[in-house]
C-alpha atoms as a PDB file:
ATOM      1  CA  MET A   1     -27.939 -17.513  -1.901  1.00  0.00           C
ATOM      2  CA  THR A   2     -26.530 -16.728   1.696  1.00  0.00           C
ATOM      3  CA  ILE A   3     -23.343 -16.695   3.423  1.00  0.00           C
ATOM      4  CA  GLU A   4     -23.724 -19.386   6.056  1.00  0.00           C
ATOM      5  CA  THR A   5     -23.083 -18.132   9.853  1.00  0.00           C
ATOM      6  CA  ASP A   6     -20.665 -20.946  10.749  1.00  0.00           C
ATOM      7  CA  TRP A   7     -18.600 -20.251   7.937  1.00  0.00           C
ATOM      8  CA  PRO A   8     -16.017 -17.870   8.630  1.00  0.00           C
ATOM      9  CA  TYR A   9     -15.419 -16.636   5.100  1.00  0.00           C
ATOM     10  CA  ASP A  10     -17.463 -13.783   3.674  1.00  0.00           C
ATOM     11  CA  ALA A  11     -17.806 -15.981   0.482  1.00  0.00           C
ATOM     12  CA  ILE A  12     -20.878 -18.333  -0.715  1.00  0.00           C
ATOM     13  CA  GLN A  13     -19.829 -21.837   0.616  1.00  0.00           C
ATOM     14  CA  ASP A  14     -21.569 -24.074  -1.441  1.00  0.00           C
ATOM     15  CA  ASP A  15     -21.086 -22.199  -4.729  1.00  0.00           C
ATOM     16  CA  PRO A  16     -19.095 -24.348  -7.554  1.00  0.00           C
ATOM     17  CA  LEU A  17     -16.538 -21.886  -7.846  1.00  0.00           C
ATOM     18  CA  THR A  18     -15.376 -22.516  -4.248  1.00  0.00           C
ATOM     19  CA  ALA A  19     -14.384 -25.882  -5.530  1.00  0.00           C
ATOM     20  CA  LEU A  20     -11.643 -24.335  -7.827  1.00  0.00           C
ATOM     21  CA  ARG A  21     -10.560 -22.034  -4.749  1.00  0.00           C
ATOM     22  CA  ILE A  22     -12.263 -19.244  -6.266  1.00  0.00           C
ATOM     23  CA  PRO A  23     -14.166 -17.179  -3.419  1.00  0.00           C
ATOM     24  CA  VAL A  24     -17.842 -15.777  -4.603  1.00  0.00           C
ATOM     25  CA  ILE A  25     -18.443 -12.944  -2.626  1.00  0.00           C
ATOM     26  CA  THR A  26     -21.490 -10.568  -2.545  1.00  0.00           C
ATOM     27  CA  SER A  27     -19.427  -7.355  -1.959  1.00  0.00           C
ATOM     28  CA  ALA A  28     -16.682  -5.422  -3.894  1.00  0.00           C
ATOM     29  CA  TYR A  29     -14.957  -4.981  -0.807  1.00  0.00           C
ATOM     30  CA  PRO A  30     -14.821  -8.567   1.229  1.00  0.00           C
ATOM     31  CA  ARG A  31     -13.289  -8.680   4.454  1.00  0.00           C
ATOM     32  CA  TRP A  32     -10.857 -11.456   3.772  1.00  0.00           C
ATOM     33  CA  ALA A  33      -7.729 -10.764   1.511  1.00  0.00           C
ATOM     34  CA  TYR A  34      -8.265 -13.102  -1.197  1.00  0.00           C
ATOM     35  CA  ILE A  35      -5.952 -13.391  -4.143  1.00  0.00           C
ATOM     36  CA  VAL A  36      -8.727 -13.862  -6.800  1.00  0.00           C
ATOM     37  CA  ALA A  37     -12.458 -13.552  -5.917  1.00  0.00           C
ATOM     38  CA  PHE A  38     -15.905 -13.458  -8.070  1.00  0.00           C
ATOM     39  CA  ASP A  39     -18.148 -10.900  -7.417  1.00  0.00           C
ATOM     40  CA  LEU A  40     -21.745 -12.066  -7.922  1.00  0.00           C
ATOM     41  CA  ASP A  41     -23.861  -9.064  -7.083  1.00  0.00           C
ATOM     42  CA  SER A  42     -22.303  -6.191  -5.131  1.00  0.00           C
ATOM     43  CA  ILE A  43     -23.318  -3.616  -7.781  1.00  0.00           C
ATOM     44  CA  ASP A  44     -26.771  -4.077  -9.264  1.00  0.00           C
ATOM     45  CA  GLY A  45     -27.950  -7.438  -8.059  1.00  0.00           C
ATOM     46  CA  ALA A  46     -27.369  -8.871 -11.297  1.00  0.00           C
ATOM     47  CA  THR A  47     -26.556 -12.818 -11.388  1.00  0.00           C
ATOM     48  CA  GLU A  48     -24.450 -13.150 -14.233  1.00  0.00           C
ATOM     49  CA  ARG A  49     -22.165 -16.031 -13.774  1.00  0.00           C
ATOM     50  CA  PRO A  50     -18.848 -17.472 -15.355  1.00  0.00           C
ATOM     51  CA  ASP A  51     -19.459 -20.295 -18.057  1.00  0.00           C
ATOM     52  CA  GLU A  52     -17.303 -23.290 -17.373  1.00  0.00           C
ATOM     53  CA  ARG A  53     -14.331 -21.646 -19.615  1.00  0.00           C
ATOM     54  CA  GLU A  54     -14.436 -18.806 -17.728  1.00  0.00           C
ATOM     55  CA  ALA A  55     -14.457 -20.611 -14.423  1.00  0.00           C
ATOM     56  CA  ALA A  56     -11.031 -22.244 -15.994  1.00  0.00           C
ATOM     57  CA  MET A  57      -9.812 -18.979 -16.819  1.00  0.00           C
ATOM     58  CA  LEU A  58     -10.192 -17.604 -13.328  1.00  0.00           C
ATOM     59  CA  ARG A  59      -8.479 -20.516 -11.878  1.00  0.00           C
ATOM     60  CA  SER A  60      -5.409 -20.399 -14.086  1.00  0.00           C
ATOM     61  CA  PHE A  61      -5.590 -16.716 -13.152  1.00  0.00           C
ATOM     62  CA  LEU A  62      -5.389 -17.660  -9.844  1.00  0.00           C
ATOM     63  CA  ASP A  63      -2.797 -20.642 -10.611  1.00  0.00           C
ATOM     64  CA  GLN A  64      -0.504 -18.041 -12.344  1.00  0.00           C
ATOM     65  CA  TYR A  65      -0.392 -15.696  -9.423  1.00  0.00           C
ATOM     66  CA  ILE A  66       0.468 -17.963  -6.926  1.00  0.00           C
ATOM     67  CA  ASP A  67       3.177 -19.913  -9.241  1.00  0.00           C
ATOM     68  CA  TYR A  68       4.843 -16.619  -9.910  1.00  0.00           C
ATOM     69  CA  TRP A  69       4.817 -15.220  -6.494  1.00  0.00           C
ATOM     70  CA  TYR A  70       4.968 -18.004  -3.970  1.00  0.00           C
ATOM     71  CA  GLY A  71       6.797 -20.827  -6.254  1.00  0.00           C
ATOM     72  CA  ASP A  72       6.694 -24.056  -3.726  1.00  0.00           C
ATOM     73  CA  ASN A  73       7.510 -22.356  -0.613  1.00  0.00           C
ATOM     74  CA  TRP A  74       6.072 -22.976   2.868  1.00  0.00           C
ATOM     75  CA  PHE A  75       3.035 -20.139   2.474  1.00  0.00           C
ATOM     76  CA  ARG A  76       1.840 -21.713  -0.551  1.00  0.00           C
ATOM     77  CA  ARG A  77       1.627 -25.042   1.280  1.00  0.00           C
ATOM     78  CA  GLN A  78       0.027 -23.312   4.141  1.00  0.00           C
ATOM     79  CA  MET A  79      -2.687 -21.759   2.204  1.00  0.00           C
ATOM     80  CA  LEU A  80      -3.998 -25.050   1.275  1.00  0.00           C
ATOM     81  CA  ASP A  81      -5.279 -25.300   4.865  1.00  0.00           C
ATOM     82  CA  ARG A  82      -7.762 -23.054   3.971  1.00  0.00           C
ATOM     83  CA  PRO A  83     -10.948 -23.356   1.300  1.00  0.00           C
ATOM     84  CA  PHE A  84      -9.497 -20.017  -0.460  1.00  0.00           C
ATOM     85  CA  ASP A  85      -5.811 -18.556  -1.495  1.00  0.00           C
ATOM     86  CA  ILE A  86      -5.679 -15.584   0.977  1.00  0.00           C
ATOM     87  CA  ASP A  87      -2.872 -13.307   1.591  1.00  0.00           C
ATOM     88  CA  GLY A  88      -3.064 -10.043   3.337  1.00  0.00           C
ATOM     89  CA  GLY A  89       0.064  -8.756   1.570  1.00  0.00           C
ATOM     90  CA  ALA A  90      -1.323  -9.382  -1.896  1.00  0.00           C
ATOM     91  CA  ASN A  91      -3.274  -7.157  -3.910  1.00  0.00           C
ATOM     92  CA  GLY A  92      -6.116  -9.476  -4.622  1.00  0.00           C
ATOM     93  CA  VAL A  93      -8.248  -9.056  -8.021  1.00  0.00           C
ATOM     94  CA  ILE A  94     -11.838  -9.152  -7.804  1.00  0.00           C
ATOM     95  CA  PHE A  95     -13.704 -10.036 -11.189  1.00  0.00           C
ATOM     96  CA  ARG A  96     -17.112  -8.915 -11.886  1.00  0.00           C
ATOM     97  CA  LYS A  97     -19.354 -10.145 -14.788  1.00  0.00           C
ATOM     98  CA  TRP A  98     -21.889  -7.774 -16.251  1.00  0.00           C
ATOM     99  CA  GLY A  99     -22.848  -9.790 -19.311  1.00  0.00           C
ATOM    100  CA  PRO A 100     -21.864 -12.156 -21.897  1.00  0.00           C
ATOM    101  CA  ASP A 101     -18.314 -11.401 -22.565  1.00  0.00           C
ATOM    102  CA  ASP A 102     -18.416  -8.347 -20.276  1.00  0.00           C
ATOM    103  CA  TRP A 103     -16.372  -8.043 -17.646  1.00  0.00           C
ATOM    104  CA  GLY A 104     -14.674  -5.765 -15.113  1.00  0.00           C
ATOM    105  CA  PHE A 105     -12.277  -6.281 -12.146  1.00  0.00           C
ATOM    106  CA  ARG A 106     -11.062  -4.283  -9.199  1.00  0.00           C
ATOM    107  CA  ARG A 107      -8.016  -4.437  -7.229  1.00  0.00           C
ATOM    108  CA  ARG A 108      -8.160  -5.129  -3.426  1.00  0.00           C
ATOM    109  CA  SER A 109      -6.261  -1.666  -2.420  1.00  0.00           C
ATOM    110  CA  TRP A 110      -8.342   0.596  -4.645  1.00  0.00           C
ATOM    111  CA  GLN A 111      -9.792   3.225  -2.618  1.00  0.00           C
ATOM    112  CA  TYR A 112     -10.455   6.018  -5.417  1.00  0.00           C
ATOM    113  CA  GLY A 113     -11.725   6.005  -8.706  1.00  0.00           C
ATOM    114  CA  PRO A 114     -14.100   3.659 -10.451  1.00  0.00           C
ATOM    115  CA  THR A 115     -15.043   0.821  -8.539  1.00  0.00           C
ATOM    116  CA  PHE A 116     -14.466  -1.676 -11.501  1.00  0.00           C
ATOM    117  CA  VAL A 117     -12.674  -1.540 -14.870  1.00  0.00           C
ATOM    118  CA  PRO A 118     -14.194  -1.308 -17.494  1.00  0.00           C
ATOM    119  CA  GLU A 119     -17.008   0.380 -15.275  1.00  0.00           C
ATOM    120  CA  HIS A 120     -20.509  -0.745 -14.966  1.00  0.00           C
ATOM    121  CA  PRO A 121     -22.226  -0.545 -18.572  1.00  0.00           C
ATOM    122  CA  VAL A 122     -24.876   2.091 -17.495  1.00  0.00           C
ATOM    123  CA  ILE A 123     -21.581   4.364 -16.277  1.00  0.00           C
ATOM    124  CA  ARG A 124     -19.720   3.501 -19.702  1.00  0.00           C
ATOM    125  CA  GLY A 125     -22.353   5.823 -21.443  1.00  0.00           C
ATOM    126  CA  ARG A 126     -21.620   8.814 -19.317  1.00  0.00           C
ATOM    127  CA  CYS A 127     -18.127   8.444 -20.103  1.00  0.00           C
ATOM    128  CA  GLU A 128     -18.059   9.568 -23.766  1.00  0.00           C
ATOM    129  CA  GLY A 129     -14.933  11.769 -24.823  1.00  0.00           C
ATOM    130  CA  THR A 130     -12.852  10.627 -21.729  1.00  0.00           C
ATOM    131  CA  LYS A 131      -9.859   8.224 -21.574  1.00  0.00           C
ATOM    132  CA  ARG A 132     -11.726   6.177 -18.939  1.00  0.00           C
ATOM    133  CA  ALA A 133     -11.698   2.325 -20.103  1.00  0.00           C
ATOM    134  CA  ARG A 134     -14.996   1.438 -21.931  1.00  0.00           C
ATOM    135  CA  GLY A 135     -16.138  -1.905 -22.239  1.00  0.00           C
ATOM    136  CA  PRO A 136     -17.545  -4.557 -22.935  1.00  0.00           C
ATOM    137  CA  TRP A 137     -13.848  -6.449 -22.256  1.00  0.00           C
ATOM    138  CA  THR A 138     -13.936 -10.039 -22.279  1.00  0.00           C
ATOM    139  CA  LEU A 139     -12.572 -11.709 -19.303  1.00  0.00           C
ATOM    140  CA  GLU A 140      -9.152 -12.666 -21.208  1.00  0.00           C
ATOM    141  CA  GLN A 141      -9.127  -8.523 -21.941  1.00  0.00           C
ATOM    142  CA  VAL A 142      -9.560  -7.909 -18.383  1.00  0.00           C
ATOM    143  CA  MET A 143      -6.837 -10.629 -17.349  1.00  0.00           C
ATOM    144  CA  ASP A 144      -4.599  -8.903 -19.610  1.00  0.00           C
ATOM    145  CA  TYR A 145      -5.276  -5.742 -18.475  1.00  0.00           C
ATOM    146  CA  ALA A 146      -4.781  -6.263 -14.556  1.00  0.00           C
ATOM    147  CA  HIS A 147      -1.414  -7.892 -15.698  1.00  0.00           C
ATOM    148  CA  THR A 148      -0.476  -4.429 -17.337  1.00  0.00           C
ATOM    149  CA  ILE A 149       1.729  -2.290 -15.105  1.00  0.00           C
ATOM    150  CA  SER A 150       3.262   0.400 -17.238  1.00  0.00           C
ATOM    151  CA  GLY A 151       0.817   0.212 -20.008  1.00  0.00           C
ATOM    152  CA  ASP A 152       3.145  -1.193 -22.386  1.00  0.00           C
ATOM    153  CA  GLY A 153       0.908  -4.395 -22.412  1.00  0.00           C
ATOM    154  CA  PRO A 154       0.648  -7.382 -20.199  1.00  0.00           C
ATOM    155  CA  SER A 155       3.518  -8.636 -18.776  1.00  0.00           C
ATOM    156  CA  ASP A 156       5.645 -11.268 -20.180  1.00  0.00           C
ATOM    157  CA  ALA A 157       5.252 -13.672 -17.446  1.00  0.00           C
ATOM    158  CA  TRP A 158       1.192 -13.528 -18.124  1.00  0.00           C
ATOM    159  CA  LEU A 159       1.938 -14.072 -21.992  1.00  0.00           C
ATOM    160  CA  THR A 160       3.974 -17.144 -21.395  1.00  0.00           C
ATOM    161  CA  TRP A 161       1.663 -18.352 -18.730  1.00  0.00           C
ATOM    162  CA  LYS A 162      -1.371 -18.074 -21.296  1.00  0.00           C
ATOM    163  CA  ALA A 163       0.769 -19.702 -24.489  1.00  0.00           C
ATOM    164  CA  LYS A 164       1.553 -22.559 -21.920  1.00  0.00           C
ATOM    165  CA  HIS A 165      -2.366 -23.143 -21.436  1.00  0.00           C
ATOM    166  CA  PRO A 166      -3.965 -23.209 -24.822  1.00  0.00           C
ATOM    167  CA  ASP A 167      -6.670 -25.383 -23.344  1.00  0.00           C
ATOM    168  CA  VAL A 168      -7.803 -22.657 -21.531  1.00  0.00           C
ATOM    169  CA  PHE A 169      -6.766 -19.623 -23.132  1.00  0.00           C
ATOM    170  CA  GLY A 170      -6.940 -20.633 -26.780  1.00  0.00           C
ATOM    171  CA  GLY A 171      -3.375 -19.988 -27.857  1.00  0.00           C
ATOM    172  CA  GLY A 172      -1.774 -17.602 -25.489  1.00  0.00           C
ATOM    173  CA  ALA A 173      -0.994 -13.679 -26.822  1.00  0.00           C
ATOM    174  CA  PRO A 174      -3.951 -11.544 -27.660  1.00  0.00           C
END
């Protein structure tokens, strides 16, 4: 897979996730400020991909973010002119799949600390006895953690969203 030169985005143009407005990137540090992205192989060349249910969860995560932060405003409508939702002011979330039910994420703004949380499976084994987040975590657990601000668990807005989308999340609360 390559990124087409006439395609301005640093995302794979013909990837099936593109139809869901989820850019598939090959760098943990994309040039564009995607609100949600899937990192295919920036770490170790692995090609673990989301299954159909996980792809629906990624799309729902994006929908919740857009619904919560933009509502039905002019910027939301303007974003629809592009194939992806991009906002330089958003602290985008980049998801990474290490293996079956083994996911990590990073925020676009992160400059220090681990690249992904939880960290790569090889690094996790070196973290014994530390307070670092150890996986494996399912995609839903990663999404819950991404919606946790003060350490008190996921936000009420996220839990309400999940509860309203049992077809995607299987019933809501963790």
